[in-house]
Amino acid sequence: MAIDTSRTFKPINIALLTVSDTRGPEDDTSGDILAERIKSAGHHLAVRAIEKDDAVRIASRLNNWIDDRSVDAVVITGGTGLTGRDVTPEALDRVKTRDIPGFGELFRWLSFKTIGTSTIQSRACAVVARGTYIFALPGSNGAVKDGWDGILAEQLDSRNRPCNFVELMPRLLEK
């Protein structure tokens, strides 16, 4: 990470969504890991929720957060696999303005270092939706650590050089 200490850190408001048919607040370990990392990085955990693996319900929740101008970004854990119930990428298709293809590519490259070729089963992805970033990570503890520590910690830090997602935020709705 190339942190430019002459720049001021700008905390952002991040919503956290766990997508799961089986997890509840008491056993949402991947969500707990992300919540801790969001706060430790100096950002604000704006809201946290758990949603079942249902593309319509996920998209509805995301639309509410996208329309809330106090939410700058959403991080999702879960629902990015290959099974019939894994529908997070399909939910993102319902709300997105544009894809961020490099996110999934970089995630799988980082993940390959820890889980080998099993990373090919991940549909981790990211989009911009009406000016809000949405990042979807797999639901395992290792995956959220890889995604946050290897990508999001740097890209959501306004001091990161040569560029970062935060500095682009004011321009995401340009025409």
N, C-alpha and C. Protein backbone atom coordinates (compact mmCIF):
# COMPACT_ATOMS: atom_id res chain seq x y z
N MET A 1 0.86 -1.17 0.00
CA MET A 1 0.00 0.00 0.00
C MET A 1 0.90 1.23 0.00
N ALA A 2 0.58 2.16 -0.86
CA ALA A 2 1.34 3.41 -0.94
C ALA A 2 0.50 4.52 -0.30
N ILE A 3 0.62 4.66 1.00
CA ILE A 3 -0.14 5.68 1.73
C ILE A 3 0.64 6.98 1.71
N ASP A 4 0.00 8.03 1.25
CA ASP A 4 0.58 9.36 1.23
C ASP A 4 0.18 10.05 2.52
N THR A 5 1.10 10.10 3.49
CA THR A 5 0.78 10.64 4.81
C THR A 5 0.57 12.15 4.80
N SER A 6 0.87 12.79 3.68
CA SER A 6 0.59 14.23 3.61
C SER A 6 -0.89 14.51 3.34
N ARG A 7 -1.63 13.47 2.97
CA ARG A 7 -3.06 13.61 2.69
C ARG A 7 -3.88 13.26 3.93
N THR A 8 -5.08 13.79 4.01
CA THR A 8 -5.98 13.54 5.13
C THR A 8 -6.84 12.31 4.84
N PHE A 9 -6.96 11.44 5.83
CA PHE A 9 -7.85 10.29 5.71
C PHE A 9 -9.29 10.77 5.74
N LYS A 10 -10.11 10.27 4.81
CA LYS A 10 -11.52 10.63 4.74
C LYS A 10 -12.35 9.38 5.02
N PRO A 11 -12.92 9.28 6.22
CA PRO A 11 -13.77 8.11 6.49
C PRO A 11 -15.03 8.15 5.64
N ILE A 12 -15.48 6.96 5.24
CA ILE A 12 -16.72 6.86 4.48
C ILE A 12 -17.73 6.03 5.26
N ASN A 13 -18.98 6.10 4.85
CA ASN A 13 -20.06 5.35 5.50
C ASN A 13 -20.31 4.08 4.70
N ILE A 14 -20.14 2.94 5.37
CA ILE A 14 -20.24 1.65 4.70
C ILE A 14 -21.38 0.83 5.30
N ALA A 15 -22.27 0.35 4.43
CA ALA A 15 -23.32 -0.58 4.82
C ALA A 15 -22.79 -2.00 4.62
N LEU A 16 -23.15 -2.89 5.52
CA LEU A 16 -22.66 -4.27 5.48
C LEU A 16 -23.84 -5.23 5.41
N LEU A 17 -23.84 -6.07 4.37
CA LEU A 17 -24.91 -7.03 4.18
C LEU A 17 -24.36 -8.44 4.12
N THR A 18 -24.90 -9.31 4.96
CA THR A 18 -24.60 -10.73 4.89
C THR A 18 -25.75 -11.40 4.17
N VAL A 19 -25.43 -12.18 3.14
CA VAL A 19 -26.44 -12.93 2.40
C VAL A 19 -26.31 -14.39 2.79
N SER A 20 -27.36 -14.93 3.42
CA SER A 20 -27.31 -16.31 3.88
C SER A 20 -28.71 -16.82 4.23
N ASP A 21 -28.96 -18.06 3.90
CA ASP A 21 -30.19 -18.73 4.32
C ASP A 21 -30.06 -19.33 5.71
N THR A 22 -28.84 -19.44 6.22
CA THR A 22 -28.61 -20.16 7.46
C THR A 22 -28.03 -19.33 8.59
N ARG A 23 -27.39 -18.23 8.31
CA ARG A 23 -26.74 -17.44 9.36
C ARG A 23 -27.69 -16.42 9.98
N GLY A 24 -27.48 -16.22 11.28
CA GLY A 24 -28.19 -15.17 12.00
C GLY A 24 -27.17 -14.27 12.66
N PRO A 25 -27.62 -13.26 13.39
CA PRO A 25 -26.68 -12.32 14.03
C PRO A 25 -25.69 -13.00 14.97
N GLU A 26 -26.10 -14.10 15.59
CA GLU A 26 -25.23 -14.76 16.56
C GLU A 26 -24.10 -15.57 15.92
N ASP A 27 -24.20 -15.93 14.66
CA ASP A 27 -23.16 -16.74 14.03
C ASP A 27 -22.71 -16.18 12.67
N ASP A 28 -22.83 -14.89 12.50
CA ASP A 28 -22.40 -14.22 11.28
C ASP A 28 -20.93 -13.84 11.40
N THR A 29 -20.06 -14.85 11.37
CA THR A 29 -18.64 -14.59 11.62
C THR A 29 -17.98 -13.77 10.52
N SER A 30 -18.34 -14.01 9.25
CA SER A 30 -17.72 -13.21 8.19
C SER A 30 -18.19 -11.75 8.28
N GLY A 31 -19.45 -11.54 8.64
CA GLY A 31 -19.94 -10.18 8.86
C GLY A 31 -19.23 -9.51 10.03
N ASP A 32 -18.99 -10.28 11.09
CA ASP A 32 -18.27 -9.74 12.25
C ASP A 32 -16.86 -9.30 11.87
N ILE A 33 -16.18 -10.13 11.07
CA ILE A 33 -14.83 -9.79 10.63
C ILE A 33 -14.84 -8.49 9.83
N LEU A 34 -15.77 -8.38 8.89
CA LEU A 34 -15.84 -7.15 8.08
C LEU A 34 -16.20 -5.94 8.92
N ALA A 35 -17.15 -6.08 9.85
CA ALA A 35 -17.53 -4.95 10.70
C ALA A 35 -16.33 -4.45 11.49
N GLU A 36 -15.55 -5.39 12.03
CA GLU A 36 -14.36 -5.01 12.81
C GLU A 36 -13.34 -4.30 11.92
N ARG A 37 -13.13 -4.81 10.73
CA ARG A 37 -12.14 -4.20 9.84
C ARG A 37 -12.60 -2.82 9.35
N ILE A 38 -13.88 -2.67 9.06
CA ILE A 38 -14.41 -1.37 8.65
C ILE A 38 -14.15 -0.33 9.73
N LYS A 39 -14.48 -0.67 10.97
CA LYS A 39 -14.29 0.26 12.09
C LYS A 39 -12.82 0.50 12.37
N SER A 40 -12.01 -0.56 12.36
CA SER A 40 -10.58 -0.42 12.63
C SER A 40 -9.88 0.46 11.60
N ALA A 41 -10.38 0.44 10.37
CA ALA A 41 -9.79 1.27 9.31
C ALA A 41 -10.15 2.75 9.49
N GLY A 42 -11.12 3.04 10.37
CA GLY A 42 -11.52 4.42 10.59
C GLY A 42 -12.79 4.83 9.87
N HIS A 43 -13.44 3.87 9.21
CA HIS A 43 -14.69 4.17 8.52
C HIS A 43 -15.87 4.00 9.47
N HIS A 44 -17.05 4.42 9.03
CA HIS A 44 -18.27 4.31 9.81
C HIS A 44 -19.10 3.14 9.30
N LEU A 45 -19.50 2.27 10.19
CA LEU A 45 -20.43 1.19 9.83
C LEU A 45 -21.82 1.80 9.91
N ALA A 46 -22.35 2.17 8.74
CA ALA A 46 -23.61 2.91 8.67
C ALA A 46 -24.79 2.05 9.08
N VAL A 47 -24.81 0.80 8.63
CA VAL A 47 -25.91 -0.12 8.91
C VAL A 47 -25.42 -1.53 8.58
N ARG A 48 -26.02 -2.49 9.26
CA ARG A 48 -25.66 -3.89 9.03
C ARG A 48 -26.93 -4.72 9.02
N ALA A 49 -27.00 -5.68 8.08
CA ALA A 49 -28.20 -6.51 7.97
C ALA A 49 -27.83 -7.88 7.42
N ILE A 50 -28.78 -8.81 7.59
CA ILE A 50 -28.69 -10.14 7.01
C ILE A 50 -29.91 -10.32 6.13
N GLU A 51 -29.67 -10.84 4.92
CA GLU A 51 -30.76 -11.07 3.98
C GLU A 51 -30.66 -12.50 3.45
N LYS A 52 -31.79 -13.13 3.24
CA LYS A 52 -31.82 -14.48 2.66
C LYS A 52 -31.33 -14.44 1.21
N ASP A 53 -30.94 -15.61 0.70
CA ASP A 53 -30.49 -15.73 -0.69
C ASP A 53 -31.69 -15.60 -1.63
N ASP A 54 -32.10 -14.38 -1.88
CA ASP A 54 -33.24 -14.09 -2.74
C ASP A 54 -32.91 -12.80 -3.49
N ALA A 55 -32.72 -12.89 -4.80
CA ALA A 55 -32.25 -11.75 -5.58
C ALA A 55 -33.18 -10.54 -5.47
N VAL A 56 -34.48 -10.76 -5.42
CA VAL A 56 -35.43 -9.64 -5.32
C VAL A 56 -35.27 -8.94 -3.97
N ARG A 57 -35.19 -9.71 -2.89
CA ARG A 57 -35.03 -9.12 -1.55
C ARG A 57 -33.69 -8.41 -1.40
N ILE A 58 -32.63 -9.03 -1.94
CA ILE A 58 -31.30 -8.40 -1.87
C ILE A 58 -31.32 -7.08 -2.65
N ALA A 59 -31.86 -7.09 -3.86
CA ALA A 59 -31.91 -5.88 -4.68
C ALA A 59 -32.74 -4.80 -4.01
N SER A 60 -33.83 -5.17 -3.37
CA SER A 60 -34.66 -4.20 -2.66
C SER A 60 -33.88 -3.53 -1.53
N ARG A 61 -33.18 -4.34 -0.74
CA ARG A 61 -32.35 -3.80 0.34
C ARG A 61 -31.28 -2.87 -0.24
N LEU A 62 -30.61 -3.32 -1.30
CA LEU A 62 -29.58 -2.50 -1.92
C LEU A 62 -30.15 -1.19 -2.46
N ASN A 63 -31.30 -1.23 -3.10
CA ASN A 63 -31.91 0.01 -3.60
C ASN A 63 -32.17 0.99 -2.47
N ASN A 64 -32.62 0.51 -1.32
CA ASN A 64 -32.82 1.40 -0.17
C ASN A 64 -31.52 2.05 0.26
N TRP A 65 -30.46 1.27 0.31
CA TRP A 65 -29.17 1.82 0.73
C TRP A 65 -28.58 2.73 -0.34
N ILE A 66 -28.75 2.39 -1.61
CA ILE A 66 -28.26 3.24 -2.69
C ILE A 66 -28.95 4.61 -2.65
N ASP A 67 -30.23 4.61 -2.37
CA ASP A 67 -30.99 5.86 -2.31
C ASP A 67 -30.70 6.68 -1.05
N ASP A 68 -30.07 6.08 -0.07
CA ASP A 68 -29.70 6.76 1.17
C ASP A 68 -28.35 7.45 0.94
N ARG A 69 -28.34 8.75 0.78
CA ARG A 69 -27.12 9.48 0.46
C ARG A 69 -26.08 9.41 1.57
N SER A 70 -26.46 8.91 2.74
CA SER A 70 -25.47 8.77 3.81
C SER A 70 -24.68 7.46 3.68
N VAL A 71 -25.04 6.60 2.73
CA VAL A 71 -24.30 5.36 2.48
C VAL A 71 -23.42 5.58 1.25
N ASP A 72 -22.11 5.47 1.45
CA ASP A 72 -21.15 5.67 0.36
C ASP A 72 -20.82 4.37 -0.37
N ALA A 73 -20.82 3.27 0.38
CA ALA A 73 -20.43 1.98 -0.19
C ALA A 73 -21.15 0.87 0.57
N VAL A 74 -21.30 -0.26 -0.11
CA VAL A 74 -21.89 -1.45 0.49
C VAL A 74 -20.90 -2.59 0.31
N VAL A 75 -20.68 -3.34 1.38
CA VAL A 75 -19.89 -4.56 1.29
C VAL A 75 -20.82 -5.72 1.61
N ILE A 76 -20.84 -6.70 0.73
CA ILE A 76 -21.69 -7.88 0.89
C ILE A 76 -20.79 -9.09 1.10
N THR A 77 -21.20 -9.96 2.02
CA THR A 77 -20.54 -11.24 2.18
C THR A 77 -21.56 -12.34 1.97
N GLY A 78 -21.27 -13.23 1.04
CA GLY A 78 -22.13 -14.39 0.79
C GLY A 78 -22.90 -14.31 -0.50
N GLY A 79 -23.32 -15.50 -0.96
CA GLY A 79 -24.16 -15.60 -2.15
C GLY A 79 -23.44 -15.49 -3.46
N THR A 80 -22.11 -15.64 -3.46
CA THR A 80 -21.34 -15.46 -4.70
C THR A 80 -20.83 -16.77 -5.29
N GLY A 81 -21.31 -17.89 -4.79
CA GLY A 81 -20.86 -19.19 -5.30
C GLY A 81 -21.61 -19.61 -6.54
N LEU A 82 -21.59 -20.92 -6.80
CA LEU A 82 -22.16 -21.47 -8.03
C LEU A 82 -23.47 -22.20 -7.83
N THR A 83 -23.92 -22.37 -6.59
CA THR A 83 -25.14 -23.15 -6.38
C THR A 83 -26.37 -22.35 -6.80
N GLY A 84 -27.47 -23.04 -6.90
CA GLY A 84 -28.71 -22.40 -7.31
C GLY A 84 -29.19 -21.32 -6.36
N ARG A 85 -28.81 -21.39 -5.08
CA ARG A 85 -29.22 -20.38 -4.10
C ARG A 85 -28.28 -19.18 -4.06
N ASP A 86 -27.14 -19.26 -4.72
CA ASP A 86 -26.18 -18.15 -4.71
C ASP A 86 -26.57 -17.12 -5.77
N VAL A 87 -27.23 -16.04 -5.34
CA VAL A 87 -27.81 -15.09 -6.29
C VAL A 87 -27.35 -13.64 -6.09
N THR A 88 -26.30 -13.44 -5.31
CA THR A 88 -25.84 -12.06 -5.09
C THR A 88 -25.44 -11.36 -6.39
N PRO A 89 -24.65 -11.98 -7.29
CA PRO A 89 -24.33 -11.27 -8.54
C PRO A 89 -25.58 -10.92 -9.36
N GLU A 90 -26.58 -11.80 -9.34
CA GLU A 90 -27.82 -11.51 -10.06
C GLU A 90 -28.57 -10.33 -9.43
N ALA A 91 -28.51 -10.22 -8.12
CA ALA A 91 -29.12 -9.07 -7.44
C ALA A 91 -28.39 -7.79 -7.82
N LEU A 92 -27.06 -7.85 -7.92
CA LEU A 92 -26.31 -6.67 -8.34
C LEU A 92 -26.65 -6.27 -9.77
N ASP A 93 -26.91 -7.27 -10.62
CA ASP A 93 -27.32 -6.96 -12.00
C ASP A 93 -28.60 -6.12 -12.02
N ARG A 94 -29.45 -6.28 -11.03
CA ARG A 94 -30.73 -5.55 -10.98
C ARG A 94 -30.55 -4.08 -10.60
N VAL A 95 -29.43 -3.73 -9.96
CA VAL A 95 -29.27 -2.36 -9.45
C VAL A 95 -28.10 -1.60 -10.08
N LYS A 96 -27.21 -2.28 -10.76
CA LYS A 96 -25.96 -1.66 -11.17
C LYS A 96 -26.12 -0.62 -12.28
N THR A 97 -25.22 0.33 -12.24
CA THR A 97 -25.03 1.29 -13.33
C THR A 97 -23.89 0.80 -14.22
N ARG A 98 -22.83 0.30 -13.56
CA ARG A 98 -21.70 -0.26 -14.30
C ARG A 98 -20.93 -1.24 -13.44
N ASP A 99 -20.25 -2.14 -14.13
CA ASP A 99 -19.41 -3.14 -13.45
C ASP A 99 -18.04 -2.58 -13.13
N ILE A 100 -17.39 -3.18 -12.14
CA ILE A 100 -15.98 -2.94 -11.84
C ILE A 100 -15.28 -4.30 -12.01
N PRO A 101 -15.00 -4.71 -13.25
CA PRO A 101 -14.53 -6.07 -13.49
C PRO A 101 -13.20 -6.41 -12.81
N GLY A 102 -12.34 -5.44 -12.65
CA GLY A 102 -11.04 -5.70 -12.03
C GLY A 102 -11.14 -6.18 -10.60
N PHE A 103 -12.23 -5.85 -9.91
CA PHE A 103 -12.38 -6.28 -8.52
C PHE A 103 -12.42 -7.80 -8.43
N GLY A 104 -13.30 -8.43 -9.19
CA GLY A 104 -13.41 -9.88 -9.16
C GLY A 104 -12.14 -10.56 -9.64
N GLU A 105 -11.54 -10.00 -10.67
CA GLU A 105 -10.30 -10.56 -11.20
C GLU A 105 -9.20 -10.53 -10.14
N LEU A 106 -9.04 -9.37 -9.48
CA LEU A 106 -8.01 -9.24 -8.45
C LEU A 106 -8.33 -10.11 -7.24
N PHE A 107 -9.60 -10.19 -6.86
CA PHE A 107 -9.97 -11.04 -5.73
C PHE A 107 -9.57 -12.48 -6.00
N ARG A 108 -9.89 -13.00 -7.16
CA ARG A 108 -9.57 -14.40 -7.47
C ARG A 108 -8.06 -14.63 -7.54
N TRP A 109 -7.32 -13.65 -8.00
CA TRP A 109 -5.86 -13.75 -8.03
C TRP A 109 -5.32 -13.83 -6.60
N LEU A 110 -5.81 -12.97 -5.71
CA LEU A 110 -5.38 -13.01 -4.31
C LEU A 110 -5.80 -14.31 -3.64
N SER A 111 -7.03 -14.72 -3.89
CA SER A 111 -7.58 -15.93 -3.29
C SER A 111 -6.83 -17.18 -3.75
N PHE A 112 -6.34 -17.18 -4.97
CA PHE A 112 -5.59 -18.31 -5.51
C PHE A 112 -4.39 -18.63 -4.62
N LYS A 113 -3.79 -17.60 -4.04
CA LYS A 113 -2.62 -17.79 -3.18
C LYS A 113 -2.96 -18.58 -1.92
N THR A 114 -4.22 -18.55 -1.48
CA THR A 114 -4.58 -19.25 -0.25
C THR A 114 -5.40 -20.51 -0.49
N ILE A 115 -6.24 -20.54 -1.54
CA ILE A 115 -7.07 -21.73 -1.74
C ILE A 115 -6.85 -22.40 -3.09
N GLY A 116 -5.88 -21.94 -3.85
CA GLY A 116 -5.56 -22.59 -5.12
C GLY A 116 -6.68 -22.46 -6.13
N THR A 117 -6.84 -23.50 -6.93
CA THR A 117 -7.80 -23.45 -8.02
C THR A 117 -9.25 -23.40 -7.56
N SER A 118 -9.51 -23.65 -6.30
CA SER A 118 -10.89 -23.54 -5.79
C SER A 118 -11.44 -22.13 -5.95
N THR A 119 -10.56 -21.15 -6.12
CA THR A 119 -11.01 -19.77 -6.30
C THR A 119 -11.88 -19.60 -7.56
N ILE A 120 -11.76 -20.52 -8.49
CA ILE A 120 -12.54 -20.42 -9.73
C ILE A 120 -14.04 -20.54 -9.45
N GLN A 121 -14.42 -21.06 -8.28
CA GLN A 121 -15.83 -21.19 -7.92
C GLN A 121 -16.42 -19.90 -7.37
N SER A 122 -15.60 -18.86 -7.23
CA SER A 122 -16.07 -17.60 -6.69
C SER A 122 -16.56 -16.66 -7.79
N ARG A 123 -17.71 -16.05 -7.54
CA ARG A 123 -18.21 -15.01 -8.44
C ARG A 123 -18.14 -13.65 -7.74
N ALA A 124 -17.10 -13.45 -6.93
CA ALA A 124 -16.90 -12.15 -6.30
C ALA A 124 -16.94 -11.08 -7.38
N CYS A 125 -17.58 -9.95 -7.07
CA CYS A 125 -17.75 -8.91 -8.08
C CYS A 125 -17.99 -7.57 -7.40
N ALA A 126 -17.95 -6.53 -8.20
CA ALA A 126 -18.23 -5.18 -7.69
C ALA A 126 -18.89 -4.37 -8.78
N VAL A 127 -19.72 -3.42 -8.35
CA VAL A 127 -20.43 -2.53 -9.28
C VAL A 127 -20.51 -1.13 -8.69
N VAL A 128 -20.85 -0.20 -9.54
CA VAL A 128 -21.30 1.12 -9.12
C VAL A 128 -22.79 1.15 -9.42
N ALA A 129 -23.57 1.59 -8.45
CA ALA A 129 -25.02 1.67 -8.62
C ALA A 129 -25.48 3.07 -8.21
N ARG A 130 -25.79 3.88 -9.20
CA ARG A 130 -26.28 5.24 -8.96
C ARG A 130 -25.39 6.00 -7.96
N GLY A 131 -24.10 5.90 -8.15
CA GLY A 131 -23.15 6.66 -7.34
C GLY A 131 -22.68 5.95 -6.07
N THR A 132 -23.11 4.72 -5.84
CA THR A 132 -22.71 3.97 -4.65
C THR A 132 -21.91 2.75 -5.07
N TYR A 133 -20.78 2.53 -4.42
CA TYR A 133 -19.99 1.32 -4.67
C TYR A 133 -20.64 0.14 -3.96
N ILE A 134 -20.65 -1.03 -4.62
CA ILE A 134 -21.11 -2.27 -4.00
C ILE A 134 -20.08 -3.34 -4.31
N PHE A 135 -19.55 -3.96 -3.25
CA PHE A 135 -18.54 -4.99 -3.37
C PHE A 135 -19.10 -6.28 -2.80
N ALA A 136 -19.09 -7.37 -3.58
CA ALA A 136 -19.64 -8.65 -3.15
C ALA A 136 -18.52 -9.67 -3.00
N LEU A 137 -18.36 -10.16 -1.78
CA LEU A 137 -17.34 -11.15 -1.45
C LEU A 137 -17.99 -12.47 -1.09
N PRO A 138 -17.26 -13.58 -1.24
CA PRO A 138 -17.78 -14.85 -0.75
C PRO A 138 -18.02 -14.79 0.77
N GLY A 139 -18.75 -15.78 1.27
CA GLY A 139 -19.15 -15.77 2.67
C GLY A 139 -18.19 -16.39 3.66
N SER A 140 -17.07 -16.90 3.21
CA SER A 140 -16.13 -17.52 4.16
C SER A 140 -15.28 -16.46 4.86
N ASN A 141 -14.81 -16.82 6.05
CA ASN A 141 -13.97 -15.89 6.81
C ASN A 141 -12.68 -15.56 6.06
N GLY A 142 -12.08 -16.57 5.45
CA GLY A 142 -10.86 -16.33 4.68
C GLY A 142 -11.08 -15.41 3.50
N ALA A 143 -12.20 -15.58 2.83
CA ALA A 143 -12.50 -14.75 1.66
C ALA A 143 -12.70 -13.29 2.04
N VAL A 144 -13.40 -13.02 3.14
CA VAL A 144 -13.61 -11.62 3.50
C VAL A 144 -12.31 -10.98 3.96
N LYS A 145 -11.45 -11.77 4.60
CA LYS A 145 -10.13 -11.24 4.97
C LYS A 145 -9.32 -10.92 3.72
N ASP A 146 -9.31 -11.85 2.74
CA ASP A 146 -8.60 -11.60 1.48
C ASP A 146 -9.14 -10.35 0.79
N GLY A 147 -10.46 -10.24 0.71
CA GLY A 147 -11.07 -9.11 0.01
C GLY A 147 -10.83 -7.78 0.69
N TRP A 148 -10.99 -7.76 2.01
CA TRP A 148 -10.77 -6.49 2.72
C TRP A 148 -9.29 -6.15 2.77
N ASP A 149 -8.48 -7.08 3.27
CA ASP A 149 -7.07 -6.79 3.49
C ASP A 149 -6.31 -6.58 2.18
N GLY A 150 -6.69 -7.32 1.14
CA GLY A 150 -5.95 -7.27 -0.11
C GLY A 150 -6.43 -6.25 -1.12
N ILE A 151 -7.67 -5.75 -0.95
CA ILE A 151 -8.21 -4.80 -1.93
C ILE A 151 -8.86 -3.59 -1.25
N LEU A 152 -9.90 -3.86 -0.48
CA LEU A 152 -10.73 -2.76 0.02
C LEU A 152 -10.03 -1.85 1.02
N ALA A 153 -9.17 -2.39 1.87
CA ALA A 153 -8.46 -1.54 2.83
C ALA A 153 -7.69 -0.43 2.11
N GLU A 154 -7.07 -0.77 0.99
CA GLU A 154 -6.32 0.23 0.23
C GLU A 154 -7.22 1.12 -0.61
N GLN A 155 -8.14 0.52 -1.35
CA GLN A 155 -8.94 1.29 -2.28
C GLN A 155 -9.97 2.18 -1.59
N LEU A 156 -10.32 1.89 -0.34
CA LEU A 156 -11.24 2.75 0.40
C LEU A 156 -10.50 3.70 1.34
N ASP A 157 -9.19 3.80 1.18
CA ASP A 157 -8.37 4.75 1.93
C ASP A 157 -8.03 5.91 1.01
N SER A 158 -8.52 7.08 1.34
CA SER A 158 -8.35 8.27 0.50
C SER A 158 -6.89 8.69 0.33
N ARG A 159 -6.01 8.14 1.14
CA ARG A 159 -4.58 8.48 1.05
C ARG A 159 -3.82 7.55 0.13
N ASN A 160 -4.46 6.47 -0.33
CA ASN A 160 -3.77 5.48 -1.16
C ASN A 160 -3.37 6.07 -2.50
N ARG A 161 -2.16 5.81 -2.92
CA ARG A 161 -1.62 6.29 -4.18
C ARG A 161 -1.21 5.12 -5.04
N PRO A 162 -1.34 5.20 -6.35
CA PRO A 162 -1.58 6.43 -7.10
C PRO A 162 -3.05 6.84 -7.19
N CYS A 163 -4.00 5.96 -6.85
CA CYS A 163 -5.40 6.34 -6.92
C CYS A 163 -6.21 5.43 -6.01
N ASN A 164 -7.47 5.82 -5.78
CA ASN A 164 -8.33 5.05 -4.88
C ASN A 164 -9.79 5.34 -5.23
N PHE A 165 -10.68 4.48 -4.73
CA PHE A 165 -12.11 4.64 -4.99
C PHE A 165 -12.69 5.91 -4.35
N VAL A 166 -12.17 6.30 -3.20
CA VAL A 166 -12.74 7.43 -2.46
C VAL A 166 -12.63 8.73 -3.25
N GLU A 167 -11.49 8.95 -3.88
CA GLU A 167 -11.32 10.21 -4.62
C GLU A 167 -12.23 10.29 -5.84
N LEU A 168 -12.73 9.16 -6.31
CA LEU A 168 -13.65 9.16 -7.45
C LEU A 168 -15.10 9.39 -7.05
N MET A 169 -15.42 9.23 -5.78
CA MET A 169 -16.81 9.29 -5.32
C MET A 169 -17.55 10.55 -5.78
N PRO A 170 -16.97 11.73 -5.68
CA PRO A 170 -17.71 12.94 -6.12
C PRO A 170 -18.04 12.94 -7.62
N ARG A 171 -17.37 12.10 -8.40
CA ARG A 171 -17.54 12.11 -9.85
C ARG A 171 -18.35 10.93 -10.38
N LEU A 172 -18.82 10.05 -9.51
CA LEU A 172 -19.49 8.84 -9.98
C LEU A 172 -20.81 9.10 -10.71
N LEU A 173 -21.44 10.23 -10.46
CA LEU A 173 -22.71 10.53 -11.12
C LEU A 173 -22.58 11.49 -12.29
N GLU A 174 -21.34 11.80 -12.68
CA GLU A 174 -21.13 12.69 -13.82
C GLU A 174 -21.74 12.12 -15.09
N LYS A 175 -22.19 12.98 -15.94
CA LYS A 175 -22.72 12.59 -17.25
C LYS A 175 -21.79 13.10 -18.32
